[in-house]
Protein backbone atom coordinates (compact mmCIF):
# COMPACT_ATOMS: atom_id res chain seq x y z
CA UNK A 1 43.97 -3.90 37.26
CA UNK A 2 42.69 -0.48 38.07
CA UNK A 3 40.73 1.08 35.40
CA UNK A 4 41.72 4.28 33.73
CA UNK A 5 40.01 6.58 31.49
CA UNK A 6 43.06 7.43 29.24
CA UNK A 7 45.47 5.13 27.95
CA UNK A 8 48.15 4.53 25.25
CA UNK A 9 46.87 4.48 21.86
CA UNK A 10 48.04 3.22 18.38
CA UNK A 11 49.94 5.90 16.43
CA UNK A 12 47.37 5.84 13.79
CA UNK A 13 44.43 6.50 16.33
CA UNK A 14 46.39 9.13 17.65
CA UNK A 15 46.92 10.73 14.39
CA UNK A 16 43.24 10.72 13.46
CA UNK A 17 42.15 12.11 16.78
CA UNK A 18 44.97 15.22 16.60
CA UNK A 19 44.03 15.86 13.01
CA UNK A 20 40.04 16.14 14.49
CA UNK A 21 41.24 18.22 17.05
CA UNK A 22 43.51 20.64 14.86
CA UNK A 23 40.45 21.11 12.50
CA UNK A 24 38.12 22.11 15.30
CA UNK A 25 37.33 26.13 15.75
CA UNK A 26 38.79 26.74 18.47
CA UNK A 27 38.13 30.49 18.14
CA UNK A 28 34.43 30.17 17.83
CA UNK A 29 34.39 27.46 21.03
CA UNK A 30 37.28 28.55 23.33
CA UNK A 31 36.12 26.52 26.03
CA UNK A 32 35.81 22.96 24.17
CA UNK A 33 36.65 21.27 21.26
CA UNK A 34 33.72 19.97 19.39
CA UNK A 35 34.67 16.52 18.39
CA UNK A 36 37.70 14.56 19.79
CA UNK A 37 37.24 10.78 19.50
CA UNK A 38 39.47 7.73 19.29
CA UNK A 39 39.75 4.09 20.17
CA UNK A 40 39.63 4.08 24.18
CA UNK A 41 38.30 2.37 27.29
CA UNK A 42 37.08 2.83 30.60
CA UNK A 43 35.17 5.46 33.06
CA UNK A 44 34.97 8.16 36.56
CA UNK A 45 32.35 10.69 39.94
CA UNK A 46 31.37 11.79 43.46
CA UNK A 47 29.83 13.84 46.13
CA UNK A 48 30.71 17.23 47.65
CA UNK A 49 33.69 18.01 49.98
CA UNK A 50 34.07 21.53 51.22
CA UNK A 51 37.83 22.11 49.85
CA UNK A 52 39.07 25.17 48.37
CA UNK A 53 40.36 25.55 45.21
CA UNK A 54 44.12 26.71 45.31
CA UNK A 55 44.71 30.20 45.11
CA UNK A 56 47.10 30.29 42.30
CA UNK A 57 44.59 29.43 40.01
CA UNK A 58 40.78 30.13 40.21
CA UNK A 59 38.23 28.53 37.94
CA UNK A 60 37.04 31.08 35.49
CA UNK A 61 33.70 30.11 36.03
CA UNK A 62 31.85 30.16 39.58
CA UNK A 63 30.89 26.32 40.24
CA UNK A 64 27.25 25.66 40.61
CA UNK A 65 26.43 23.26 43.65
CA UNK A 66 23.35 20.94 43.85
CA UNK A 67 21.81 18.61 46.11
CA UNK A 68 19.59 15.62 44.69
CA UNK A 69 18.52 12.22 45.79
CA UNK A 70 17.73 8.97 44.12
CA UNK A 71 15.30 6.39 45.31
CA UNK A 72 16.41 2.88 45.81
CA UNK A 73 13.67 0.51 45.82
CA UNK A 74 13.20 -1.99 48.47
CA UNK A 75 12.36 -5.64 48.25
CA UNK A 76 9.04 -6.71 47.60
CA UNK A 77 9.31 -10.37 46.41
CA UNK A 78 11.29 -13.12 47.47
CA UNK A 79 14.23 -11.64 45.40
CA UNK A 80 16.16 -8.55 46.08
CA UNK A 81 15.16 -5.17 44.33
CA UNK A 82 17.90 -3.99 41.84
CA UNK A 83 17.93 -0.34 41.01
CA UNK A 84 19.89 1.09 38.01
CA UNK A 85 21.13 4.55 38.72
CA UNK A 86 23.97 6.88 38.28
CA UNK A 87 25.42 9.54 39.92
CA UNK A 88 24.63 13.33 39.07
CA UNK A 89 27.45 15.73 40.29
CA UNK A 90 31.33 15.63 40.52
CA UNK A 91 33.54 16.69 43.47
CA UNK A 92 34.81 20.17 43.73
CA UNK A 93 37.91 21.14 41.80
CA UNK A 94 41.27 21.12 44.34
CA UNK A 95 43.25 22.94 41.79
CA UNK A 96 42.72 24.76 38.54
CA UNK A 97 44.71 26.31 35.99
CA UNK A 98 46.05 26.59 32.31
CA UNK A 99 48.27 23.75 30.94
CA UNK A 100 51.40 25.74 29.67
CA UNK A 101 53.75 23.04 28.52
CA UNK A 102 52.56 19.65 27.02
CA UNK A 103 55.07 16.79 26.43
CA UNK A 104 53.53 13.24 25.91
CA UNK A 105 51.65 12.24 29.00
CA UNK A 106 52.78 15.05 30.93
CA UNK A 107 51.67 18.92 31.62
CA UNK A 108 53.21 21.73 33.21
CA UNK A 109 51.81 24.79 34.97
CA UNK A 110 54.36 27.29 36.33
CA UNK A 111 51.77 28.90 38.46
CA UNK A 112 51.31 25.73 40.47
CA UNK A 113 52.76 24.71 43.66
CA UNK A 114 51.88 21.20 44.27
CA UNK A 115 53.63 18.60 46.67
CA UNK A 116 55.00 15.44 45.63
CA UNK A 117 52.19 12.77 45.30
CA UNK A 118 49.47 15.17 46.12
CA UNK A 119 47.05 14.07 43.51
CA UNK A 120 48.02 10.05 43.72
CA UNK A 121 49.24 7.31 45.56
CA UNK A 122 48.24 7.75 49.46
CA UNK A 123 46.59 10.57 48.50
CA UNK A 124 43.93 8.74 46.73
CA UNK A 125 42.81 8.76 43.05
CA UNK A 126 42.55 11.95 41.19
CA UNK A 127 41.83 12.98 37.41
CA UNK A 128 42.41 16.18 35.20
CA UNK A 129 39.78 17.33 33.23
CA UNK A 130 40.05 19.69 30.59
CA UNK A 131 38.02 22.32 28.73
CA UNK A 132 37.65 20.07 25.77
CA UNK A 133 35.89 17.58 27.89
CA UNK A 134 38.97 15.12 27.89
CA UNK A 135 39.75 13.32 31.27
CA UNK A 136 42.68 11.46 32.40
CA UNK A 137 43.85 9.89 35.47
CA UNK A 138 46.79 11.42 37.13
CA UNK A 139 49.59 8.97 38.24
CA UNK A 140 52.10 11.23 39.39
CA UNK A 141 52.61 14.70 40.84
CA UNK A 142 55.49 17.01 40.99
CA UNK A 143 55.89 20.84 41.74
CA UNK A 144 54.27 22.20 38.56
CA UNK A 145 53.93 18.96 36.58
CA UNK A 146 51.14 16.18 36.36
CA UNK A 147 52.01 12.98 34.86
CA UNK A 148 48.75 11.34 33.16
CA UNK A 149 47.80 8.00 32.35
CA UNK A 150 48.11 8.35 28.55
CA UNK A 151 49.76 10.50 25.71
CA UNK A 152 47.83 13.96 25.60
CA UNK A 153 49.98 15.61 23.26
CA UNK A 154 48.11 17.04 20.49
CA UNK A 155 45.08 16.45 22.29
CA UNK A 156 45.10 19.13 24.71
CA UNK A 157 46.67 22.57 23.53
CA UNK A 158 48.82 24.81 25.41
CA UNK A 159 47.04 27.43 27.11
CA UNK A 160 43.77 24.94 27.58
CA UNK A 161 42.19 25.08 31.18
CA UNK A 162 42.20 22.24 33.45
CA UNK A 163 40.84 21.34 36.59
CA UNK A 164 42.12 18.34 38.96
CA UNK A 165 39.48 16.80 40.89
CA UNK A 166 39.30 13.63 43.25
CA UNK A 167 37.73 10.49 42.18
CA UNK A 168 34.71 9.60 44.02
CA UNK A 169 34.78 6.33 45.68
CA UNK A 170 32.31 3.99 47.81
CA UNK A 171 33.33 5.95 51.25
CA UNK A 172 32.51 9.29 49.36
CA UNK A 173 29.37 8.22 47.94
CA UNK A 174 27.93 5.96 50.52
CA UNK A 175 29.76 7.14 53.49
CA UNK A 176 32.39 5.45 54.99
CA UNK A 177 30.21 4.49 57.91
CA UNK A 178 27.33 3.60 55.68
CA UNK A 179 25.49 6.84 56.16
CA UNK A 180 23.30 5.89 53.16
CA UNK A 181 21.72 3.49 55.23
CA UNK A 182 22.14 0.30 53.09
CA UNK A 183 21.60 -3.01 54.55
CA UNK A 184 24.83 -4.01 56.50
CA UNK A 185 25.19 -7.47 57.71
CA UNK A 186 27.92 -9.72 59.07
CA UNK A 187 27.90 -11.61 55.50
CA UNK A 188 27.40 -10.50 52.04
CA UNK A 189 24.35 -12.92 51.47
CA UNK A 190 22.49 -10.87 54.17
CA UNK A 191 23.64 -7.30 53.11
CA UNK A 192 22.77 -4.88 50.40
CA UNK A 193 25.00 -5.01 47.22
CA UNK A 194 26.74 -2.10 45.29
CA UNK A 195 27.43 -3.50 42.03
CA UNK A 196 29.95 -1.83 39.67
CA UNK A 197 30.02 -2.89 35.86
CA UNK A 198 33.97 -3.73 35.00
CA UNK A 199 33.87 -3.16 31.09
CA UNK A 200 37.38 -4.70 31.33
CA UNK A 201 36.09 -8.12 32.28
CA UNK A 202 32.78 -7.72 31.35
CA UNK A 203 31.57 -8.73 34.71
CA UNK A 204 30.04 -7.39 38.07
CA UNK A 205 32.18 -6.67 40.79
CA UNK A 206 30.30 -6.49 44.14
CA UNK A 207 30.58 -4.57 47.51
CA UNK A 208 28.85 -4.87 50.63
CA UNK A 209 29.18 -3.31 54.13
CA UNK A 210 30.60 -5.51 56.71
CA UNK A 211 29.75 -5.62 60.43
CA UNK A 212 32.08 -8.02 61.55
CA UNK A 213 34.22 -6.67 64.63
CA UNK A 214 37.65 -5.60 62.99
CA UNK A 215 36.66 -5.81 59.56
CA UNK A 216 33.90 -3.10 59.52
CA UNK A 217 33.40 -1.02 56.38
CA UNK A 218 32.84 -1.41 52.56
CA UNK A 219 34.65 -4.97 51.66
CA UNK A 220 34.17 -7.05 48.35
CA UNK A 221 33.37 -10.71 48.25
CA UNK A 222 37.02 -11.62 48.97
CA UNK A 223 36.74 -9.32 52.24
CA UNK A 224 39.26 -6.86 51.14
CA UNK A 225 38.83 -3.18 52.04
CA UNK A 226 37.04 -1.26 49.42
CA UNK A 227 36.06 2.10 50.74
CA UNK A 228 38.31 3.58 48.37
CA UNK A 229 37.12 1.80 45.21
CA UNK A 230 36.78 4.52 42.63
CA UNK A 231 33.29 5.32 41.10
CA UNK A 232 33.81 7.20 37.91
CA UNK A 233 31.80 10.04 36.87
CA UNK A 234 29.78 8.56 34.30
CA UNK A 235 29.74 4.99 35.55
CA UNK A 236 26.38 3.63 36.18
CA UNK A 237 25.77 1.67 39.38
CA UNK A 238 23.44 -1.02 40.41
CA UNK A 239 22.03 -1.58 43.97
CA UNK A 240 20.50 -4.71 45.17
CA UNK A 241 18.24 -3.96 48.11
CA UNK A 242 17.41 -6.79 50.45
CA UNK A 243 15.13 -4.79 53.00
CA UNK A 244 11.75 -4.04 52.11
CA UNK A 245 11.92 -0.23 52.57
CA UNK A 246 12.78 2.21 49.85
CA UNK A 247 15.83 4.30 50.36
CA UNK A 248 16.77 7.74 49.33
CA UNK A 249 20.60 8.13 48.09
CA UNK A 250 21.73 11.96 48.67
CA UNK A 251 24.13 13.39 46.30
CA UNK A 252 25.70 16.89 46.86
CA UNK A 253 28.23 18.05 44.88
CA UNK A 254 29.13 20.30 42.02
CA UNK A 255 27.22 20.17 38.58
CA UNK A 256 29.45 19.17 35.67
CA UNK A 257 29.26 21.89 33.10
CA UNK A 258 30.81 21.85 29.51
CA UNK A 259 31.27 19.19 27.28
CA UNK A 260 32.15 15.48 28.42
CA UNK A 261 34.12 12.99 26.56
CA UNK A 262 33.07 9.33 27.83
CA UNK A 263 35.23 6.59 26.17
CA UNK A 264 33.01 3.90 24.98
CA UNK A 265 34.73 0.55 24.23
CA UNK A 266 33.77 -2.58 22.29
CA UNK A 267 31.20 -4.96 23.82
CA UNK A 268 28.98 -3.81 27.07
CA UNK A 269 29.31 -0.22 28.73
CA UNK A 270 27.20 0.80 31.71
CA UNK A 271 26.45 4.44 31.54
CA UNK A 272 24.96 7.56 33.21
CA UNK A 273 24.61 10.93 31.65
CA UNK A 274 26.00 12.84 34.08
CA UNK A 275 23.34 15.41 34.28
CA UNK A 276 21.92 16.84 37.59
CA UNK A 277 18.86 18.38 36.27
CA UNK A 278 18.40 17.91 32.54
CA UNK A 279 16.63 14.81 30.86
CA UNK A 280 17.85 14.00 27.56
CA UNK A 281 16.08 11.92 24.84
CA UNK A 282 17.59 9.22 22.57
CA UNK A 283 18.01 11.61 20.04
CA UNK A 284 19.60 14.17 22.32
CA UNK A 285 22.31 11.95 23.67
CA UNK A 286 24.43 12.46 20.70
CA UNK A 287 25.22 8.75 20.55
CA UNK A 288 24.24 8.77 16.91
CA UNK A 289 26.61 10.73 14.67
CA UNK A 290 26.10 9.24 11.29
CA UNK A 291 29.58 7.94 11.42
CA UNK A 292 30.26 4.70 13.14
CA UNK A 293 33.78 5.54 13.89
CA UNK A 294 32.55 8.47 15.73
CA UNK A 295 29.22 6.84 17.29
CA UNK A 296 26.89 4.02 17.17
CA UNK A 297 26.45 2.01 14.23
CA UNK A 298 23.45 1.95 12.65
CA UNK A 299 22.04 -0.80 10.79
CA UNK A 300 18.90 -2.65 8.81
CA UNK A 301 18.59 -4.90 11.85
CA UNK A 302 19.01 -4.65 15.57
CA UNK A 303 21.10 -7.70 15.57
CA UNK A 304 24.35 -5.82 13.50
CA UNK A 305 23.33 -2.40 15.03
CA UNK A 306 24.67 -1.20 18.29
CA UNK A 307 22.16 -1.61 21.13
CA UNK A 308 21.20 0.83 23.99
CA UNK A 309 19.46 -1.20 26.69
CA UNK A 310 17.56 -0.12 29.74
CA UNK A 311 16.37 -2.39 32.59
CA UNK A 312 13.12 -0.98 34.26
CA UNK A 313 12.13 -1.58 37.90
CA UNK A 314 10.57 -4.47 37.34
CA UNK A 315 13.38 -6.05 35.60
CA UNK A 316 12.44 -5.93 32.15
CA UNK A 317 14.75 -5.16 29.43
CA UNK A 318 13.85 -2.60 26.78
CA UNK A 319 16.25 -2.81 23.73
CA UNK A 320 16.81 0.31 21.14
CA UNK A 321 18.80 0.87 18.10
CA UNK A 322 19.36 2.91 15.36
CA UNK A 323 17.66 1.96 12.16
CA UNK A 324 18.90 2.45 8.52
CA UNK A 325 15.77 1.30 6.89
CA UNK A 326 14.84 3.47 4.29
CA UNK A 327 11.56 5.35 5.25
CA UNK A 328 12.09 3.91 8.98
CA UNK A 329 15.27 5.66 9.84
CA UNK A 330 16.22 6.70 13.47
CA UNK A 331 15.71 5.19 17.02
CA UNK A 332 13.66 2.14 17.02
CA UNK A 333 12.61 -0.94 19.33
CA UNK A 334 12.59 -4.42 18.39
CA UNK A 335 8.99 -3.75 17.19
CA UNK A 336 10.02 -1.03 15.06
CA UNK A 337 8.24 1.63 16.85
CA UNK A 338 10.07 4.98 16.71
CA UNK A 339 11.48 5.69 20.35
CA UNK A 340 13.57 8.84 19.47
CA UNK A 341 11.95 10.67 22.22
CA UNK A 342 12.17 8.05 25.14
CA UNK A 343 13.61 10.04 27.97
CA UNK A 344 16.94 9.36 29.92
CA UNK A 345 16.18 11.13 33.11
CA UNK A 346 19.30 12.47 35.27
CA UNK A 347 20.53 9.68 37.71
CA UNK A 348 19.41 6.89 35.48
CA UNK A 349 21.75 4.54 33.64
CA UNK A 350 21.75 2.35 30.47
CA UNK A 351 23.79 -0.25 28.82
CA UNK A 352 25.34 0.25 25.50
CA UNK A 353 26.50 -2.66 23.37
CA UNK A 354 29.22 -1.74 20.97
CA UNK A 355 29.54 -4.39 18.35
CA UNK A 356 32.46 -3.21 16.74
CA UNK A 357 36.12 -4.17 17.82
CA UNK A 358 37.26 -0.19 18.05
CA UNK A 359 35.66 2.14 20.40
CA UNK A 360 34.83 5.65 20.22
CA UNK A 361 34.25 8.93 22.55
CA UNK A 362 30.62 9.96 23.39
CA UNK A 363 30.46 13.45 23.61
CA UNK A 364 27.82 14.04 26.24
CA UNK A 365 25.87 17.68 25.59
CA UNK A 366 26.51 20.28 27.94
CA UNK A 367 24.40 20.50 30.93
């Protein structure tokens, strides 16, 4: 099942989200809504492709492009080395404009002149990004209308700006010909692994680069082609390196500006901050809001609180939680040391264990 960012929600959840949206002061914050959160799932990302924004609707703010590189550690012991990272840029917008008419899971832009299925199907996976930070996968494209994966009526207002971006894939991030230089092989046991955490199954999907004649390219463990596998913008990656040399993974793309709303679901989520240059501390992440319906849950012990976990280069796991103990409020580790200033660097990733059965939208601060 293909994961999506925006899905159908219960009526009570939609009503709550719409009430929050209507209460936001859009006059003072014309480019985004301060809080839009509801129960939700899933996650999206990319590298630069020089494609022009369609002439009918140019972005109102000139995009900023960046080139970055992340180090993937080489194997130094008898076990492969695992690097935990996240992408830092998005792919350039292929179209941009203003959502004029909104109905259920569709919106229209009379200035658009799209072709049928331009942003879906054989054209590959795309998503629409609104100024509020909301993102939704595109399921169908017609002349001036996009059909999305979930109901946005009441969540997106007529006149709100949008951008259409292609999703990143293993091909676009690492190269269809493995330009990144990961170890390729004729079997997955000898190849480096790219591992994507699947929030729906709570398992890890493994991909590798095959050199088998007639089957070259990115494959999953069932030997199915995987070059078009989506890598979502906020999604963390794990790379298991079996060669001794460190490797630099280059990223070239557009800086994601403005607010980003990331769906957090029950159980484990594996996330990056979608930052190109900004380091955020735990306190600056905005995960704690004081309300467990809109952010992580605090508690008087780490067992009942939501947990944030960081795995270092040596494989050691650091667990952090938000304490509600009188006199010891704030981010703490398991030894009760204050850790609010712990840094989450651009390109790094962390696990978030949501203990509640309901999720929320995490509002990542603007770059």
